[in-house]
Amino acid sequence: MSDGKGKVQLTLDEGSDAIVERGGMTVQFNANGLVVNVQGATITVDNKGTVAMQTASNDSSSPKATHEIGAIESTGEHKGEIYGGIYPADNKPIWFSAAPKVMDHYKAAAWAEGQGGSLPTRKQGDYLTTLKGKGALKDIFARHSDSSSSAGFFWLAERTNDDARYQQFSDGSQYDFYDYGYFGRLTHLPVLSVRR
């Protein structure tokens, strides 16, 4: 069905199969997820968010480059970072890393920037909570799940004056200084960095 502007819009029922071809590109929807073929490269995304890619130069004996949510990247630009899947807000990959020590909000923001990223936004914090049981992220959440102390929280990017938002590891609740009066920006909390 055309949207009147020359674009075709398809709506598929959950679990239905379809193949869309345009030029040299094929997109196949199936019960297991999505397969995209472009100029000999194949990208698959399963229903759990696992992404695999095989380039045209790979043969059947070559290993596929695979990212599993919660896996620590071993090579490339994101080496040492934790893959967080495809962020639903913009359908682009998201990567996380944890600081080696707790910091105040000022140092936390500087550390994250020094990693080439930033502190998580409120929406990224919400998304991160959905990943807490996966791979290396599970370990980070388990290590900091004590909600009775500052160790049970991590810094978020949003701030106002001398106050900053923070999120609870255990349940994803988000607060700022005015909510409970616990943490000004000089309080030391665990730090996570987001890179896109």
N, C-alpha and C. Protein backbone atom coordinates (compact mmCIF):
# COMPACT_ATOMS: atom_id res chain seq x y z
N MET A 1 0.85 -1.17 0.00
CA MET A 1 0.00 0.00 0.00
C MET A 1 0.90 1.23 0.00
N SER A 2 0.60 2.20 -0.84
CA SER A 2 1.39 3.43 -0.94
C SER A 2 0.88 4.44 0.07
N ASP A 3 1.80 5.25 0.60
CA ASP A 3 1.40 6.28 1.55
C ASP A 3 1.06 7.59 0.86
N GLY A 4 1.03 7.59 -0.47
CA GLY A 4 0.72 8.80 -1.22
C GLY A 4 1.94 9.65 -1.53
N LYS A 5 3.09 9.30 -1.00
CA LYS A 5 4.32 10.04 -1.24
C LYS A 5 5.35 9.16 -1.94
N GLY A 6 4.89 8.09 -2.55
CA GLY A 6 5.80 7.20 -3.26
C GLY A 6 6.44 6.15 -2.39
N LYS A 7 6.10 6.10 -1.11
CA LYS A 7 6.65 5.09 -0.21
C LYS A 7 5.62 3.99 -0.02
N VAL A 8 6.11 2.77 0.07
CA VAL A 8 5.24 1.63 0.30
C VAL A 8 5.32 1.27 1.78
N GLN A 9 4.17 1.13 2.40
CA GLN A 9 4.12 0.77 3.81
C GLN A 9 3.48 -0.60 3.94
N LEU A 10 4.18 -1.51 4.63
CA LEU A 10 3.67 -2.85 4.88
C LEU A 10 3.43 -3.02 6.36
N THR A 11 2.34 -3.65 6.70
CA THR A 11 2.07 -4.00 8.09
C THR A 11 1.89 -5.51 8.13
N LEU A 12 2.74 -6.16 8.93
CA LEU A 12 2.73 -7.61 9.01
C LEU A 12 2.22 -8.05 10.37
N ASP A 13 1.47 -9.12 10.39
CA ASP A 13 1.04 -9.69 11.66
C ASP A 13 2.25 -10.31 12.33
N GLU A 14 2.28 -10.33 13.64
CA GLU A 14 3.37 -10.93 14.41
C GLU A 14 3.55 -12.38 13.98
N GLY A 15 4.80 -12.76 13.68
CA GLY A 15 5.11 -14.13 13.30
C GLY A 15 4.89 -14.46 11.84
N SER A 16 4.41 -13.48 11.05
CA SER A 16 4.19 -13.76 9.63
C SER A 16 5.50 -13.68 8.86
N ASP A 17 5.55 -14.34 7.71
CA ASP A 17 6.73 -14.35 6.85
C ASP A 17 6.51 -13.41 5.68
N ALA A 18 7.59 -12.74 5.24
CA ALA A 18 7.51 -11.87 4.06
C ALA A 18 8.90 -11.65 3.51
N ILE A 19 8.98 -11.41 2.22
CA ILE A 19 10.24 -11.06 1.58
C ILE A 19 10.02 -9.78 0.80
N VAL A 20 10.90 -8.79 1.03
CA VAL A 20 10.83 -7.52 0.31
C VAL A 20 12.12 -7.38 -0.47
N GLU A 21 12.00 -7.15 -1.78
CA GLU A 21 13.17 -6.96 -2.64
C GLU A 21 13.13 -5.59 -3.27
N ARG A 22 14.31 -4.95 -3.30
CA ARG A 22 14.45 -3.67 -3.99
C ARG A 22 15.88 -3.59 -4.49
N GLY A 23 16.05 -3.47 -5.80
CA GLY A 23 17.39 -3.43 -6.36
C GLY A 23 18.14 -4.68 -5.95
N GLY A 24 19.34 -4.52 -5.42
CA GLY A 24 20.15 -5.65 -4.99
C GLY A 24 19.98 -6.00 -3.53
N MET A 25 18.93 -5.51 -2.89
CA MET A 25 18.74 -5.75 -1.46
C MET A 25 17.48 -6.58 -1.23
N THR A 26 17.59 -7.54 -0.30
CA THR A 26 16.46 -8.37 0.09
C THR A 26 16.32 -8.33 1.60
N VAL A 27 15.10 -8.11 2.08
CA VAL A 27 14.80 -8.16 3.51
C VAL A 27 13.77 -9.26 3.70
N GLN A 28 14.10 -10.22 4.55
CA GLN A 28 13.22 -11.35 4.79
C GLN A 28 12.80 -11.37 6.26
N PHE A 29 11.49 -11.34 6.49
CA PHE A 29 10.94 -11.47 7.83
C PHE A 29 10.47 -12.90 8.00
N ASN A 30 10.85 -13.55 9.11
CA ASN A 30 10.37 -14.89 9.38
C ASN A 30 10.12 -15.04 10.88
N ALA A 31 9.67 -16.22 11.27
CA ALA A 31 9.32 -16.44 12.67
C ALA A 31 10.51 -16.29 13.60
N ASN A 32 11.73 -16.46 13.09
CA ASN A 32 12.93 -16.36 13.92
C ASN A 32 13.49 -14.95 14.02
N GLY A 33 13.06 -14.04 13.15
CA GLY A 33 13.59 -12.68 13.18
C GLY A 33 13.65 -12.06 11.80
N LEU A 34 14.81 -11.51 11.48
CA LEU A 34 14.98 -10.71 10.27
C LEU A 34 16.30 -11.07 9.60
N VAL A 35 16.30 -11.17 8.27
CA VAL A 35 17.52 -11.42 7.50
C VAL A 35 17.60 -10.36 6.41
N VAL A 36 18.72 -9.65 6.33
CA VAL A 36 18.94 -8.62 5.31
C VAL A 36 20.12 -9.04 4.45
N ASN A 37 19.95 -9.06 3.14
CA ASN A 37 21.04 -9.35 2.21
C ASN A 37 21.29 -8.11 1.36
N VAL A 38 22.54 -7.59 1.43
CA VAL A 38 22.93 -6.42 0.65
C VAL A 38 24.28 -6.70 0.02
N GLN A 39 24.35 -6.69 -1.29
CA GLN A 39 25.59 -6.86 -2.04
C GLN A 39 26.43 -8.01 -1.50
N GLY A 40 25.81 -9.15 -1.25
CA GLY A 40 26.52 -10.33 -0.80
C GLY A 40 26.74 -10.42 0.70
N ALA A 41 26.47 -9.37 1.44
CA ALA A 41 26.60 -9.40 2.90
C ALA A 41 25.25 -9.80 3.50
N THR A 42 25.29 -10.58 4.56
CA THR A 42 24.06 -11.03 5.22
C THR A 42 24.09 -10.60 6.68
N ILE A 43 23.02 -9.94 7.11
CA ILE A 43 22.85 -9.53 8.50
C ILE A 43 21.60 -10.22 9.01
N THR A 44 21.72 -10.89 10.15
CA THR A 44 20.55 -11.52 10.76
C THR A 44 20.34 -10.94 12.16
N VAL A 45 19.09 -10.77 12.52
CA VAL A 45 18.72 -10.32 13.85
C VAL A 45 17.64 -11.27 14.34
N ASP A 46 17.94 -12.03 15.42
CA ASP A 46 16.92 -12.96 15.90
C ASP A 46 15.99 -12.26 16.89
N ASN A 47 14.98 -12.96 17.33
CA ASN A 47 13.97 -12.37 18.21
C ASN A 47 14.50 -12.00 19.58
N LYS A 48 15.72 -12.45 19.93
CA LYS A 48 16.33 -12.10 21.21
C LYS A 48 17.24 -10.89 21.07
N GLY A 49 17.37 -10.34 19.85
CA GLY A 49 18.22 -9.18 19.63
C GLY A 49 19.65 -9.52 19.27
N THR A 50 19.96 -10.81 19.06
CA THR A 50 21.32 -11.20 18.68
C THR A 50 21.53 -10.86 17.21
N VAL A 51 22.61 -10.14 16.93
CA VAL A 51 22.93 -9.70 15.57
C VAL A 51 24.13 -10.49 15.07
N ALA A 52 24.03 -11.00 13.86
CA ALA A 52 25.16 -11.70 13.23
C ALA A 52 25.34 -11.14 11.84
N MET A 53 26.60 -11.05 11.40
CA MET A 53 26.87 -10.53 10.07
C MET A 53 27.90 -11.40 9.38
N GLN A 54 27.67 -11.66 8.11
CA GLN A 54 28.64 -12.37 7.29
C GLN A 54 28.82 -11.57 6.01
N THR A 55 30.07 -11.20 5.73
CA THR A 55 30.34 -10.42 4.53
C THR A 55 30.50 -11.33 3.33
N ALA A 56 30.49 -10.73 2.14
CA ALA A 56 30.59 -11.49 0.91
C ALA A 56 31.89 -12.26 0.82
N SER A 57 32.96 -11.76 1.45
CA SER A 57 34.26 -12.43 1.37
C SER A 57 34.37 -13.62 2.31
N ASN A 58 33.43 -13.74 3.25
CA ASN A 58 33.46 -14.88 4.15
C ASN A 58 32.97 -16.12 3.41
N ASP A 59 33.60 -17.26 3.65
CA ASP A 59 33.06 -18.51 3.13
C ASP A 59 32.47 -19.29 4.29
N SER A 60 31.96 -20.47 4.00
CA SER A 60 31.28 -21.22 5.05
C SER A 60 32.20 -21.63 6.18
N SER A 61 33.53 -21.62 5.95
CA SER A 61 34.45 -22.00 7.01
C SER A 61 34.87 -20.82 7.87
N SER A 62 34.53 -19.60 7.44
CA SER A 62 34.91 -18.40 8.20
C SER A 62 33.93 -18.17 9.33
N PRO A 63 34.41 -17.75 10.50
CA PRO A 63 33.49 -17.47 11.60
C PRO A 63 32.67 -16.21 11.29
N LYS A 64 31.44 -16.19 11.78
CA LYS A 64 30.60 -15.01 11.62
C LYS A 64 30.87 -14.05 12.76
N ALA A 65 30.81 -12.75 12.46
CA ALA A 65 30.93 -11.74 13.50
C ALA A 65 29.57 -11.66 14.21
N THR A 66 29.53 -11.98 15.47
CA THR A 66 28.27 -12.03 16.20
C THR A 66 28.34 -11.17 17.45
N HIS A 67 27.28 -10.42 17.68
CA HIS A 67 27.17 -9.65 18.91
C HIS A 67 25.98 -10.18 19.67
N GLU A 68 26.21 -10.60 20.88
CA GLU A 68 25.12 -10.99 21.75
C GLU A 68 24.97 -9.92 22.82
N ILE A 69 23.74 -9.61 23.16
CA ILE A 69 23.51 -8.60 24.18
C ILE A 69 24.18 -9.05 25.47
N GLY A 70 24.97 -8.16 26.05
CA GLY A 70 25.70 -8.45 27.28
C GLY A 70 27.10 -8.97 27.05
N ALA A 71 27.47 -9.21 25.77
CA ALA A 71 28.82 -9.71 25.46
C ALA A 71 29.82 -8.55 25.46
N ILE A 72 31.03 -8.84 25.90
CA ILE A 72 32.10 -7.84 25.88
C ILE A 72 32.82 -7.95 24.55
N GLU A 73 32.89 -6.83 23.84
CA GLU A 73 33.53 -6.80 22.52
C GLU A 73 35.04 -7.02 22.68
N SER A 74 35.59 -7.90 21.86
CA SER A 74 37.01 -8.24 21.98
C SER A 74 37.90 -7.53 20.97
N THR A 75 37.33 -6.91 19.95
CA THR A 75 38.12 -6.22 18.94
C THR A 75 37.43 -4.95 18.49
N GLY A 76 38.14 -4.17 17.69
CA GLY A 76 37.53 -3.02 17.03
C GLY A 76 37.34 -1.80 17.91
N GLU A 77 36.54 -0.91 17.39
CA GLU A 77 36.30 0.39 18.02
C GLU A 77 35.68 0.28 19.42
N HIS A 78 34.91 -0.76 19.66
CA HIS A 78 34.22 -0.91 20.95
C HIS A 78 34.87 -1.97 21.84
N LYS A 79 36.14 -2.26 21.62
CA LYS A 79 36.85 -3.27 22.40
C LYS A 79 36.72 -2.97 23.90
N GLY A 80 36.34 -3.99 24.67
CA GLY A 80 36.19 -3.86 26.11
C GLY A 80 34.83 -3.36 26.55
N GLU A 81 34.00 -2.92 25.61
CA GLU A 81 32.67 -2.42 25.95
C GLU A 81 31.64 -3.54 25.88
N ILE A 82 30.52 -3.34 26.55
CA ILE A 82 29.46 -4.34 26.60
C ILE A 82 28.39 -3.96 25.57
N TYR A 83 28.08 -4.92 24.70
CA TYR A 83 27.07 -4.67 23.67
C TYR A 83 25.68 -4.68 24.29
N GLY A 84 24.93 -3.61 24.06
CA GLY A 84 23.60 -3.49 24.62
C GLY A 84 22.47 -3.69 23.62
N GLY A 85 22.80 -4.23 22.45
CA GLY A 85 21.75 -4.48 21.46
C GLY A 85 21.45 -3.26 20.63
N ILE A 86 20.31 -3.29 19.97
CA ILE A 86 19.84 -2.18 19.14
C ILE A 86 18.89 -1.35 20.00
N TYR A 87 19.29 -0.11 20.26
CA TYR A 87 18.51 0.78 21.11
C TYR A 87 17.21 1.16 20.39
N PRO A 88 16.06 0.84 20.95
CA PRO A 88 14.78 1.02 20.24
C PRO A 88 14.45 2.46 19.87
N ALA A 89 14.98 3.44 20.58
CA ALA A 89 14.63 4.83 20.29
C ALA A 89 15.13 5.30 18.93
N ASP A 90 16.25 4.72 18.46
CA ASP A 90 16.76 5.14 17.14
C ASP A 90 17.25 3.98 16.28
N ASN A 91 17.04 2.74 16.75
CA ASN A 91 17.43 1.53 16.01
C ASN A 91 18.91 1.49 15.65
N LYS A 92 19.76 1.98 16.55
CA LYS A 92 21.21 1.93 16.37
C LYS A 92 21.83 1.18 17.54
N PRO A 93 23.01 0.57 17.33
CA PRO A 93 23.66 -0.16 18.43
C PRO A 93 24.00 0.75 19.60
N ILE A 94 23.98 0.18 20.79
CA ILE A 94 24.34 0.91 22.00
C ILE A 94 25.34 0.05 22.78
N TRP A 95 26.36 0.71 23.34
CA TRP A 95 27.44 0.04 24.05
C TRP A 95 27.60 0.67 25.43
N PHE A 96 27.92 -0.17 26.43
CA PHE A 96 28.08 0.30 27.80
C PHE A 96 29.45 -0.10 28.33
N SER A 97 29.97 0.70 29.25
CA SER A 97 31.16 0.30 30.01
C SER A 97 31.01 0.84 31.42
N ALA A 98 31.66 0.17 32.36
CA ALA A 98 31.57 0.55 33.77
C ALA A 98 32.91 1.10 34.24
N ALA A 99 32.86 2.19 34.98
CA ALA A 99 34.08 2.78 35.54
C ALA A 99 34.66 1.84 36.59
N PRO A 100 35.98 1.87 36.76
CA PRO A 100 36.60 0.98 37.74
C PRO A 100 36.33 1.37 39.19
N LYS A 101 35.83 2.58 39.43
CA LYS A 101 35.57 3.01 40.80
C LYS A 101 34.39 3.98 40.83
N VAL A 102 33.87 4.24 42.01
CA VAL A 102 32.77 5.19 42.17
C VAL A 102 33.33 6.61 42.07
N MET A 103 32.48 7.55 41.65
CA MET A 103 32.90 8.94 41.46
C MET A 103 31.74 9.88 41.74
N ASP A 104 32.07 11.15 41.99
CA ASP A 104 31.01 12.14 42.06
C ASP A 104 30.53 12.42 40.63
N HIS A 105 29.42 13.13 40.51
CA HIS A 105 28.81 13.35 39.20
C HIS A 105 29.73 14.13 38.26
N TYR A 106 30.46 15.09 38.77
CA TYR A 106 31.37 15.88 37.95
C TYR A 106 32.44 14.98 37.31
N LYS A 107 33.09 14.16 38.13
CA LYS A 107 34.14 13.25 37.63
C LYS A 107 33.54 12.15 36.76
N ALA A 108 32.33 11.71 37.10
CA ALA A 108 31.67 10.66 36.33
C ALA A 108 31.40 11.13 34.89
N ALA A 109 30.89 12.35 34.76
CA ALA A 109 30.62 12.90 33.42
C ALA A 109 31.92 13.05 32.63
N ALA A 110 32.98 13.51 33.29
CA ALA A 110 34.29 13.66 32.62
C ALA A 110 34.86 12.30 32.23
N TRP A 111 34.71 11.29 33.10
CA TRP A 111 35.21 9.95 32.78
C TRP A 111 34.49 9.39 31.55
N ALA A 112 33.16 9.50 31.54
CA ALA A 112 32.37 8.97 30.42
C ALA A 112 32.77 9.67 29.12
N GLU A 113 32.95 10.98 29.17
CA GLU A 113 33.37 11.73 27.98
C GLU A 113 34.75 11.28 27.54
N GLY A 114 35.64 11.01 28.48
CA GLY A 114 36.98 10.52 28.17
C GLY A 114 36.97 9.15 27.51
N GLN A 115 35.89 8.39 27.69
CA GLN A 115 35.72 7.09 27.05
C GLN A 115 35.12 7.24 25.65
N GLY A 116 34.84 8.50 25.26
CA GLY A 116 34.20 8.74 23.97
C GLY A 116 32.69 8.62 24.03
N GLY A 117 32.14 8.65 25.24
CA GLY A 117 30.70 8.50 25.40
C GLY A 117 30.12 9.54 26.32
N SER A 118 29.10 9.14 27.06
CA SER A 118 28.43 10.02 28.01
C SER A 118 27.75 9.17 29.08
N LEU A 119 27.31 9.82 30.14
CA LEU A 119 26.50 9.13 31.13
C LEU A 119 25.17 8.77 30.47
N PRO A 120 24.50 7.70 30.91
CA PRO A 120 23.21 7.34 30.31
C PRO A 120 22.16 8.41 30.57
N THR A 121 21.33 8.65 29.56
CA THR A 121 20.17 9.52 29.75
C THR A 121 19.11 8.74 30.53
N ARG A 122 18.05 9.41 30.92
CA ARG A 122 16.98 8.72 31.64
C ARG A 122 16.41 7.58 30.80
N LYS A 123 16.19 7.83 29.50
CA LYS A 123 15.62 6.79 28.62
C LYS A 123 16.61 5.65 28.42
N GLN A 124 17.89 5.96 28.30
CA GLN A 124 18.90 4.90 28.18
C GLN A 124 18.99 4.10 29.47
N GLY A 125 18.82 4.76 30.61
CA GLY A 125 18.78 4.06 31.89
C GLY A 125 17.61 3.09 31.96
N ASP A 126 16.43 3.54 31.48
CA ASP A 126 15.27 2.66 31.43
C ASP A 126 15.57 1.43 30.58
N TYR A 127 16.17 1.66 29.40
CA TYR A 127 16.50 0.55 28.51
C TYR A 127 17.52 -0.38 29.16
N LEU A 128 18.51 0.19 29.81
CA LEU A 128 19.55 -0.61 30.45
C LEU A 128 18.96 -1.57 31.48
N THR A 129 17.94 -1.13 32.20
CA THR A 129 17.30 -1.99 33.20
C THR A 129 16.70 -3.24 32.55
N THR A 130 16.23 -3.14 31.31
CA THR A 130 15.66 -4.31 30.63
C THR A 130 16.73 -5.33 30.27
N LEU A 131 18.01 -4.93 30.33
CA LEU A 131 19.12 -5.80 29.95
C LEU A 131 19.87 -6.38 31.14
N LYS A 132 19.41 -6.12 32.35
CA LYS A 132 20.22 -6.43 33.53
C LYS A 132 20.52 -7.90 33.74
N GLY A 133 19.81 -8.81 33.11
CA GLY A 133 20.08 -10.23 33.27
C GLY A 133 20.94 -10.82 32.17
N LYS A 134 21.56 -9.98 31.35
CA LYS A 134 22.27 -10.48 30.17
C LYS A 134 23.78 -10.30 30.28
N GLY A 135 24.50 -11.40 30.16
CA GLY A 135 25.96 -11.40 30.06
C GLY A 135 26.66 -10.58 31.13
N ALA A 136 27.61 -9.75 30.69
CA ALA A 136 28.41 -8.94 31.60
C ALA A 136 27.55 -7.90 32.33
N LEU A 137 26.43 -7.50 31.74
CA LEU A 137 25.53 -6.56 32.42
C LEU A 137 24.94 -7.20 33.68
N LYS A 138 24.69 -8.49 33.62
CA LYS A 138 24.18 -9.20 34.80
C LYS A 138 25.15 -9.07 35.96
N ASP A 139 26.45 -9.21 35.65
CA ASP A 139 27.47 -9.10 36.70
C ASP A 139 27.51 -7.70 37.30
N ILE A 140 27.41 -6.68 36.46
CA ILE A 140 27.43 -5.29 36.95
C ILE A 140 26.24 -5.04 37.86
N PHE A 141 25.05 -5.46 37.43
CA PHE A 141 23.86 -5.24 38.25
C PHE A 141 23.94 -6.03 39.55
N ALA A 142 24.43 -7.25 39.51
CA ALA A 142 24.55 -8.06 40.73
C ALA A 142 25.53 -7.42 41.72
N ARG A 143 26.62 -6.89 41.19
CA ARG A 143 27.65 -6.29 42.05
C ARG A 143 27.13 -5.04 42.76
N HIS A 144 26.20 -4.34 42.12
CA HIS A 144 25.72 -3.07 42.68
C HIS A 144 24.25 -3.10 43.09
N SER A 145 23.71 -4.25 43.38
CA SER A 145 22.27 -4.32 43.65
C SER A 145 21.89 -3.95 45.07
N ASP A 146 22.85 -3.63 45.93
CA ASP A 146 22.55 -3.24 47.30
C ASP A 146 21.90 -1.86 47.31
N SER A 147 20.59 -1.82 47.46
CA SER A 147 19.88 -0.54 47.40
C SER A 147 19.90 0.21 48.73
N SER A 148 20.52 -0.36 49.75
CA SER A 148 20.54 0.30 51.06
C SER A 148 21.66 1.33 51.18
N SER A 149 22.52 1.41 50.17
CA SER A 149 23.61 2.38 50.21
C SER A 149 23.78 3.01 48.84
N SER A 150 24.71 3.93 48.73
CA SER A 150 24.94 4.60 47.45
C SER A 150 25.41 3.63 46.39
N ALA A 151 25.94 2.45 46.78
CA ALA A 151 26.38 1.46 45.81
C ALA A 151 25.21 0.90 45.00
N GLY A 152 24.00 1.06 45.47
CA GLY A 152 22.83 0.54 44.77
C GLY A 152 22.33 1.44 43.65
N PHE A 153 23.06 2.52 43.35
CA PHE A 153 22.62 3.49 42.36
C PHE A 153 23.75 3.80 41.39
N PHE A 154 23.41 4.37 40.21
CA PHE A 154 24.42 4.89 39.30
C PHE A 154 23.95 6.22 38.73
N TRP A 155 24.90 7.03 38.31
CA TRP A 155 24.61 8.37 37.81
C TRP A 155 23.95 8.35 36.44
N LEU A 156 23.04 9.29 36.22
CA LEU A 156 22.45 9.57 34.91
C LEU A 156 22.96 10.92 34.43
N ALA A 157 22.77 11.21 33.17
CA ALA A 157 23.31 12.44 32.58
C ALA A 157 22.56 13.70 33.01
N GLU A 158 21.25 13.61 33.17
CA GLU A 158 20.46 14.81 33.45
C GLU A 158 20.81 15.42 34.80
N ARG A 159 20.83 16.75 34.82
CA ARG A 159 21.14 17.44 36.07
C ARG A 159 20.49 18.82 36.06
N THR A 160 20.35 19.37 37.25
CA THR A 160 19.90 20.74 37.42
C THR A 160 20.75 21.37 38.51
N ASN A 161 21.41 22.45 38.20
CA ASN A 161 22.26 23.16 39.14
C ASN A 161 23.23 22.22 39.85
N ASP A 162 23.12 22.10 41.16
CA ASP A 162 24.03 21.24 41.91
C ASP A 162 23.46 19.84 42.13
N ASP A 163 22.36 19.53 41.48
CA ASP A 163 21.71 18.24 41.66
C ASP A 163 21.82 17.42 40.37
N ALA A 164 21.76 16.10 40.51
CA ALA A 164 21.83 15.23 39.35
C ALA A 164 20.89 14.06 39.55
N ARG A 165 20.45 13.48 38.46
CA ARG A 165 19.60 12.30 38.52
C ARG A 165 20.46 11.05 38.66
N TYR A 166 19.88 10.06 39.29
CA TYR A 166 20.55 8.78 39.47
C TYR A 166 19.50 7.68 39.40
N GLN A 167 19.95 6.46 39.16
CA GLN A 167 19.04 5.34 38.97
C GLN A 167 19.43 4.19 39.87
N GLN A 168 18.43 3.48 40.37
CA GLN A 168 18.65 2.33 41.22
C GLN A 168 18.92 1.10 40.35
N PHE A 169 20.01 0.37 40.66
CA PHE A 169 20.34 -0.83 39.90
C PHE A 169 19.25 -1.89 40.02
N SER A 170 18.72 -2.09 41.22
CA SER A 170 17.83 -3.24 41.47
C SER A 170 16.53 -3.18 40.69
N ASP A 171 15.90 -2.01 40.61
CA ASP A 171 14.58 -1.96 39.96
C ASP A 171 14.43 -0.88 38.89
N GLY A 172 15.47 -0.09 38.67
CA GLY A 172 15.41 0.93 37.62
C GLY A 172 14.75 2.22 38.02
N SER A 173 14.35 2.36 39.29
CA SER A 173 13.74 3.61 39.74
C SER A 173 14.75 4.75 39.58
N GLN A 174 14.25 5.91 39.15
CA GLN A 174 15.12 7.07 38.94
C GLN A 174 14.71 8.19 39.87
N TYR A 175 15.71 8.91 40.37
CA TYR A 175 15.48 9.96 41.36
C TYR A 175 16.36 11.17 41.05
N ASP A 176 16.01 12.28 41.66
CA ASP A 176 16.95 13.39 41.70
C ASP A 176 17.02 13.87 43.14
N PHE A 177 17.87 14.83 43.40
CA PHE A 177 18.13 15.30 44.76
C PHE A 177 16.84 15.65 45.50
N TYR A 178 15.89 16.25 44.79
CA TYR A 178 14.67 16.70 45.45
C TYR A 178 13.75 15.55 45.84
N ASP A 179 13.90 14.39 45.19
CA ASP A 179 13.04 13.26 45.52
C ASP A 179 13.29 12.76 46.95
N TYR A 180 14.56 12.57 47.31
CA TYR A 180 14.87 12.01 48.61
C TYR A 180 15.91 12.80 49.39
N GLY A 181 16.58 13.71 48.74
CA GLY A 181 17.59 14.49 49.43
C GLY A 181 18.86 13.73 49.73
N TYR A 182 19.06 12.57 49.11
CA TYR A 182 20.24 11.75 49.41
C TYR A 182 21.50 12.28 48.74
N PHE A 183 21.47 12.46 47.44
CA PHE A 183 22.70 12.62 46.69
C PHE A 183 22.79 13.97 45.98
N GLY A 184 23.73 14.80 46.39
CA GLY A 184 24.11 15.94 45.60
C GLY A 184 25.15 15.46 44.60
N ARG A 185 25.62 16.32 43.74
CA ARG A 185 26.55 15.91 42.69
C ARG A 185 27.92 15.50 43.24
N LEU A 186 28.19 15.78 44.52
CA LEU A 186 29.48 15.39 45.10
C LEU A 186 29.46 14.00 45.72
N THR A 187 28.28 13.37 45.77
CA THR A 187 28.18 12.00 46.28
C THR A 187 28.88 11.05 45.31
N HIS A 188 29.55 10.05 45.84
CA HIS A 188 30.24 9.06 45.00
C HIS A 188 29.31 7.88 44.71
N LEU A 189 29.05 7.64 43.40
CA LEU A 189 28.21 6.54 42.94
C LEU A 189 28.93 5.78 41.83
N PRO A 190 28.52 4.53 41.55
CA PRO A 190 29.04 3.82 40.39
C PRO A 190 28.72 4.59 39.10
N VAL A 191 29.54 4.34 38.08
CA VAL A 191 29.44 5.12 36.84
C VAL A 191 29.38 4.17 35.64
N LEU A 192 28.44 4.41 34.76
CA LEU A 192 28.33 3.70 33.49
C LEU A 192 28.46 4.72 32.36
N SER A 193 29.13 4.32 31.29
CA SER A 193 29.25 5.16 30.11
C SER A 193 28.50 4.52 28.96
N VAL A 194 27.88 5.35 28.12
CA VAL A 194 27.17 4.90 26.93
C VAL A 194 27.91 5.43 25.71
N ARG A 195 28.15 4.53 24.74
CA ARG A 195 28.72 4.97 23.45
C ARG A 195 27.81 4.48 22.34
N ARG A 196 27.64 5.32 21.33
CA ARG A 196 26.73 4.99 20.21
C ARG A 196 27.51 4.80 18.94
